[in-house]
Amino acid sequence: MTTTFRTSRQFAATPVAVFAAIADATRIARWWGPAGFSNRIAEFDFRPGGRWLFDMIGPDGTVYANESVFVSIEPARQLLLRHVCQPHFQLSIELQPLAGGTLLLWAQNFDDDAVAEAVRHIVEPANEQNLDRLAAELARGAG
């Protein structure tokens, strides 16, 4: 058994616009992670098999090293990535067109149930904050 944290959000933007905020290193650096965090991206090879190497910097200055691999990418439809450092998980982001926007489905599947339970109190609110920040990035636009 593995633990999956799921959330969803409707955005008043097309799947193409939402995907554009995911696929661009400059834009994802502005919104990825919980409230108050910033990102320093060392590598963002946005293609299947490509690496995403970055540091998330917490509000207190703590640096959290992250490494992921893009497993599959379907433009304006779905992204699957594998977090290859601790904690190990797979993240699926699915975009479904809606009248007037997009439904984003977020599923973060942890390899280890004990690890997932230990971080649940962080992950659940952080995933919501991540999508709050994505909404702000979409409102900001591509500039």
C-alpha atoms as a PDB file:
ATOM      1  CA  MET A   1       0.000   0.000   0.000  1.00  0.00           C
ATOM      2  CA  THR A   2       1.131   3.536  -0.700  1.00  0.00           C
ATOM      3  CA  THR A   3      -0.259   6.823   0.533  1.00  0.00           C
ATOM      4  CA  THR A   4      -1.546   9.334  -1.997  1.00  0.00           C
ATOM      5  CA  PHE A   5      -2.356  12.952  -1.172  1.00  0.00           C
ATOM      6  CA  ARG A   6      -4.917  14.372  -3.589  1.00  0.00           C
ATOM      7  CA  THR A   7      -6.229  17.829  -4.181  1.00  0.00           C
ATOM      8  CA  SER A   8      -7.826  19.697  -7.049  1.00  0.00           C
ATOM      9  CA  ARG A   9      -8.408  23.263  -8.097  1.00  0.00           C
ATOM     10  CA  GLN A  10     -10.354  25.080 -10.778  1.00  0.00           C
ATOM     11  CA  PHE A  11      -8.570  27.896 -12.567  1.00  0.00           C
ATOM     12  CA  ALA A  12     -10.051  30.547 -14.853  1.00  0.00           C
ATOM     13  CA  ALA A  13      -7.324  29.832 -17.413  1.00  0.00           C
ATOM     14  CA  THR A  14      -7.069  27.396 -20.305  1.00  0.00           C
ATOM     15  CA  PRO A  15      -5.141  24.139 -19.938  1.00  0.00           C
ATOM     16  CA  VAL A  16      -2.551  25.638 -22.320  1.00  0.00           C
ATOM     17  CA  ALA A  17      -2.095  28.655 -20.001  1.00  0.00           C
ATOM     18  CA  VAL A  18      -1.861  26.493 -16.873  1.00  0.00           C
ATOM     19  CA  PHE A  19       0.629  24.166 -18.549  1.00  0.00           C
ATOM     20  CA  ALA A  20       2.724  27.159 -19.630  1.00  0.00           C
ATOM     21  CA  ALA A  21       3.128  28.139 -15.953  1.00  0.00           C
ATOM     22  CA  ILE A  22       4.404  24.617 -15.239  1.00  0.00           C
ATOM     23  CA  ALA A  23       6.671  24.155 -18.249  1.00  0.00           C
ATOM     24  CA  ASP A  24       8.699  27.379 -17.847  1.00  0.00           C
ATOM     25  CA  ALA A  25      11.555  27.342 -15.307  1.00  0.00           C
ATOM     26  CA  THR A  26      11.252  31.066 -14.514  1.00  0.00           C
ATOM     27  CA  ARG A  27       7.530  30.807 -13.874  1.00  0.00           C
ATOM     28  CA  ILE A  28       7.589  27.579 -11.864  1.00  0.00           C
ATOM     29  CA  ALA A  29      10.335  29.056  -9.682  1.00  0.00           C
ATOM     30  CA  ARG A  30       7.887  31.833  -8.723  1.00  0.00           C
ATOM     31  CA  TRP A  31       5.067  29.562  -7.577  1.00  0.00           C
ATOM     32  CA  TRP A  32       6.394  26.098  -6.660  1.00  0.00           C
ATOM     33  CA  GLY A  33       6.242  25.181  -2.986  1.00  0.00           C
ATOM     34  CA  PRO A  34       4.451  26.340   0.131  1.00  0.00           C
ATOM     35  CA  ALA A  35       3.733  29.960   1.050  1.00  0.00           C
ATOM     36  CA  GLY A  36       6.867  31.910   1.905  1.00  0.00           C
ATOM     37  CA  PHE A  37       9.263  29.632   0.029  1.00  0.00           C
ATOM     38  CA  SER A  38      11.453  30.598  -2.912  1.00  0.00           C
ATOM     39  CA  ASN A  39      13.284  28.438  -5.433  1.00  0.00           C
ATOM     40  CA  ARG A  40      16.743  28.392  -6.922  1.00  0.00           C
ATOM     41  CA  ILE A  41      16.720  26.184 -10.033  1.00  0.00           C
ATOM     42  CA  ALA A  42      20.022  24.632 -11.136  1.00  0.00           C
ATOM     43  CA  GLU A  43      18.590  22.444 -13.922  1.00  0.00           C
ATOM     44  CA  PHE A  44      15.162  22.265 -15.561  1.00  0.00           C
ATOM     45  CA  ASP A  45      15.297  19.847 -18.500  1.00  0.00           C
ATOM     46  CA  PHE A  46      11.579  19.768 -19.291  1.00  0.00           C
ATOM     47  CA  ARG A  47      11.307  16.590 -21.352  1.00  0.00           C
ATOM     48  CA  PRO A  48      10.594  12.943 -20.508  1.00  0.00           C
ATOM     49  CA  GLY A  49      13.667  11.656 -18.690  1.00  0.00           C
ATOM     50  CA  GLY A  50      14.889  15.205 -17.995  1.00  0.00           C
ATOM     51  CA  ARG A  51      16.098  16.293 -14.567  1.00  0.00           C
ATOM     52  CA  TRP A  52      14.752  19.079 -12.386  1.00  0.00           C
ATOM     53  CA  LEU A  53      17.372  20.013  -9.817  1.00  0.00           C
ATOM     54  CA  PHE A  54      16.543  22.860  -7.432  1.00  0.00           C
ATOM     55  CA  ASP A  55      16.709  24.201  -3.919  1.00  0.00           C
ATOM     56  CA  MET A  56      13.608  25.332  -2.077  1.00  0.00           C
ATOM     57  CA  ILE A  57      14.461  28.052   0.413  1.00  0.00           C
ATOM     58  CA  GLY A  58      12.211  28.318   3.449  1.00  0.00           C
ATOM     59  CA  PRO A  59      11.138  31.587   5.043  1.00  0.00           C
ATOM     60  CA  ASP A  60      13.810  31.052   7.719  1.00  0.00           C
ATOM     61  CA  GLY A  61      16.548  30.589   5.087  1.00  0.00           C
ATOM     62  CA  THR A  62      16.733  26.803   5.390  1.00  0.00           C
ATOM     63  CA  VAL A  63      17.678  25.243   2.040  1.00  0.00           C
ATOM     64  CA  TYR A  64      15.919  22.046   0.968  1.00  0.00           C
ATOM     65  CA  ALA A  65      17.644  20.286  -1.940  1.00  0.00           C
ATOM     66  CA  ASN A  66      15.257  18.652  -4.418  1.00  0.00           C
ATOM     67  CA  GLU A  67      15.780  16.427  -7.423  1.00  0.00           C
ATOM     68  CA  SER A  68      13.053  15.141  -9.688  1.00  0.00           C
ATOM     69  CA  VAL A  69      12.875  13.431 -13.064  1.00  0.00           C
ATOM     70  CA  PHE A  70      10.121  14.180 -15.569  1.00  0.00           C
ATOM     71  CA  VAL A  71       8.578  10.775 -16.303  1.00  0.00           C
ATOM     72  CA  SER A  72       6.004  11.811 -18.883  1.00  0.00           C
ATOM     73  CA  ILE A  73       4.760  15.066 -20.319  1.00  0.00           C
ATOM     74  CA  GLU A  74       1.590  15.560 -22.344  1.00  0.00           C
ATOM     75  CA  PRO A  75       1.395  19.292 -23.163  1.00  0.00           C
ATOM     76  CA  ALA A  76      -1.712  20.991 -21.754  1.00  0.00           C
ATOM     77  CA  ARG A  77      -2.902  17.643 -20.389  1.00  0.00           C
ATOM     78  CA  GLN A  78      -0.648  15.872 -17.898  1.00  0.00           C
ATOM     79  CA  LEU A  79       2.718  15.874 -16.168  1.00  0.00           C
ATOM     80  CA  LEU A  80       4.168  12.989 -14.224  1.00  0.00           C
ATOM     81  CA  LEU A  81       7.340  13.501 -12.217  1.00  0.00           C
ATOM     82  CA  ARG A  82       9.344  11.350  -9.853  1.00  0.00           C
ATOM     83  CA  HIS A  83      10.965  12.935  -6.774  1.00  0.00           C
ATOM     84  CA  VAL A  84      14.206  10.927  -6.652  1.00  0.00           C
ATOM     85  CA  CYS A  85      15.587  12.214  -3.344  1.00  0.00           C
ATOM     86  CA  GLN A  86      13.984  11.820   0.083  1.00  0.00           C
ATOM     87  CA  PRO A  87      11.074  11.708   0.516  1.00  0.00           C
ATOM     88  CA  HIS A  88      10.445   9.548  -2.557  1.00  0.00           C
ATOM     89  CA  PHE A  89       7.160  10.149  -4.321  1.00  0.00           C
ATOM     90  CA  GLN A  90       5.545  10.422  -7.722  1.00  0.00           C
ATOM     91  CA  LEU A  91       3.474  13.482  -8.581  1.00  0.00           C
ATOM     92  CA  SER A  92       0.786  13.529 -11.231  1.00  0.00           C
ATOM     93  CA  ILE A  93      -0.678  16.828 -12.389  1.00  0.00           C
ATOM     94  CA  GLU A  94      -3.630  16.393 -14.736  1.00  0.00           C
ATOM     95  CA  LEU A  95      -5.342  19.267 -16.549  1.00  0.00           C
ATOM     96  CA  GLN A  96      -8.948  18.883 -17.665  1.00  0.00           C
ATOM     97  CA  PRO A  97     -10.634  21.572 -19.764  1.00  0.00           C
ATOM     98  CA  LEU A  98     -13.769  23.111 -18.267  1.00  0.00           C
ATOM     99  CA  ALA A  99     -16.110  25.762 -19.556  1.00  0.00           C
ATOM    100  CA  GLY A 100     -14.197  28.936 -18.760  1.00  0.00           C
ATOM    101  CA  GLY A 101     -11.092  27.266 -17.427  1.00  0.00           C
ATOM    102  CA  THR A 102      -9.249  24.203 -16.221  1.00  0.00           C
ATOM    103  CA  LEU A 103      -9.635  21.608 -13.506  1.00  0.00           C
ATOM    104  CA  LEU A 104      -6.224  20.635 -12.121  1.00  0.00           C
ATOM    105  CA  LEU A 105      -5.988  17.254 -10.400  1.00  0.00           C
ATOM    106  CA  TRP A 106      -2.929  16.832  -8.144  1.00  0.00           C
ATOM    107  CA  ALA A 107      -1.972  13.361  -6.853  1.00  0.00           C
ATOM    108  CA  GLN A 108       1.216  12.903  -4.818  1.00  0.00           C
ATOM    109  CA  ASN A 109       1.912   9.206  -4.250  1.00  0.00           C
ATOM    110  CA  PHE A 110       4.528   8.431  -1.580  1.00  0.00           C
ATOM    111  CA  ASP A 111       6.592   5.245  -1.781  1.00  0.00           C
ATOM    112  CA  ASP A 112       6.612   4.706   1.980  1.00  0.00           C
ATOM    113  CA  ASP A 113       3.430   4.932   4.053  1.00  0.00           C
ATOM    114  CA  ALA A 114       5.316   5.670   7.284  1.00  0.00           C
ATOM    115  CA  VAL A 115       7.122   8.605   5.660  1.00  0.00           C
ATOM    116  CA  ALA A 116       3.857   9.862   4.172  1.00  0.00           C
ATOM    117  CA  GLU A 117       2.136   9.774   7.557  1.00  0.00           C
ATOM    118  CA  ALA A 118       5.092  11.544   9.193  1.00  0.00           C
ATOM    119  CA  VAL A 119       4.871  14.430   6.698  1.00  0.00           C
ATOM    120  CA  ARG A 120       1.075  14.512   6.207  1.00  0.00           C
ATOM    121  CA  HIS A 121       0.724  17.568   8.496  1.00  0.00           C
ATOM    122  CA  ILE A 122       3.157  19.449   6.210  1.00  0.00           C
ATOM    123  CA  VAL A 123       2.205  18.057   2.788  1.00  0.00           C
ATOM    124  CA  GLU A 124      -1.561  18.570   2.885  1.00  0.00           C
ATOM    125  CA  PRO A 125      -1.507  22.332   3.621  1.00  0.00           C
ATOM    126  CA  ALA A 126       1.640  22.813   1.484  1.00  0.00           C
ATOM    127  CA  ASN A 127      -0.057  21.319  -1.568  1.00  0.00           C
ATOM    128  CA  GLU A 128      -2.969  23.746  -1.145  1.00  0.00           C
ATOM    129  CA  GLN A 129      -0.534  26.653  -0.755  1.00  0.00           C
ATOM    130  CA  ASN A 130       1.251  25.471  -3.907  1.00  0.00           C
ATOM    131  CA  LEU A 131      -1.995  25.773  -5.855  1.00  0.00           C
ATOM    132  CA  ASP A 132      -2.728  29.175  -4.256  1.00  0.00           C
ATOM    133  CA  ARG A 133       0.637  30.330  -5.578  1.00  0.00           C
ATOM    134  CA  LEU A 134      -0.110  28.846  -9.015  1.00  0.00           C
ATOM    135  CA  ALA A 135      -3.380  30.814  -9.073  1.00  0.00           C
ATOM    136  CA  ALA A 136      -1.416  33.995  -8.319  1.00  0.00           C
ATOM    137  CA  GLU A 137       1.062  33.173 -11.098  1.00  0.00           C
ATOM    138  CA  LEU A 138      -1.780  32.623 -13.565  1.00  0.00           C
ATOM    139  CA  ALA A 139      -3.309  35.964 -12.565  1.00  0.00           C
ATOM    140  CA  ARG A 140       0.082  37.596 -13.089  1.00  0.00           C
ATOM    141  CA  GLY A 141       0.358  36.221 -16.635  1.00  0.00           C
ATOM    142  CA  ALA A 142       3.330  35.127 -18.687  1.00  0.00           C
ATOM    143  CA  GLY A 143       5.412  38.280 -18.084  1.00  0.00           C
END
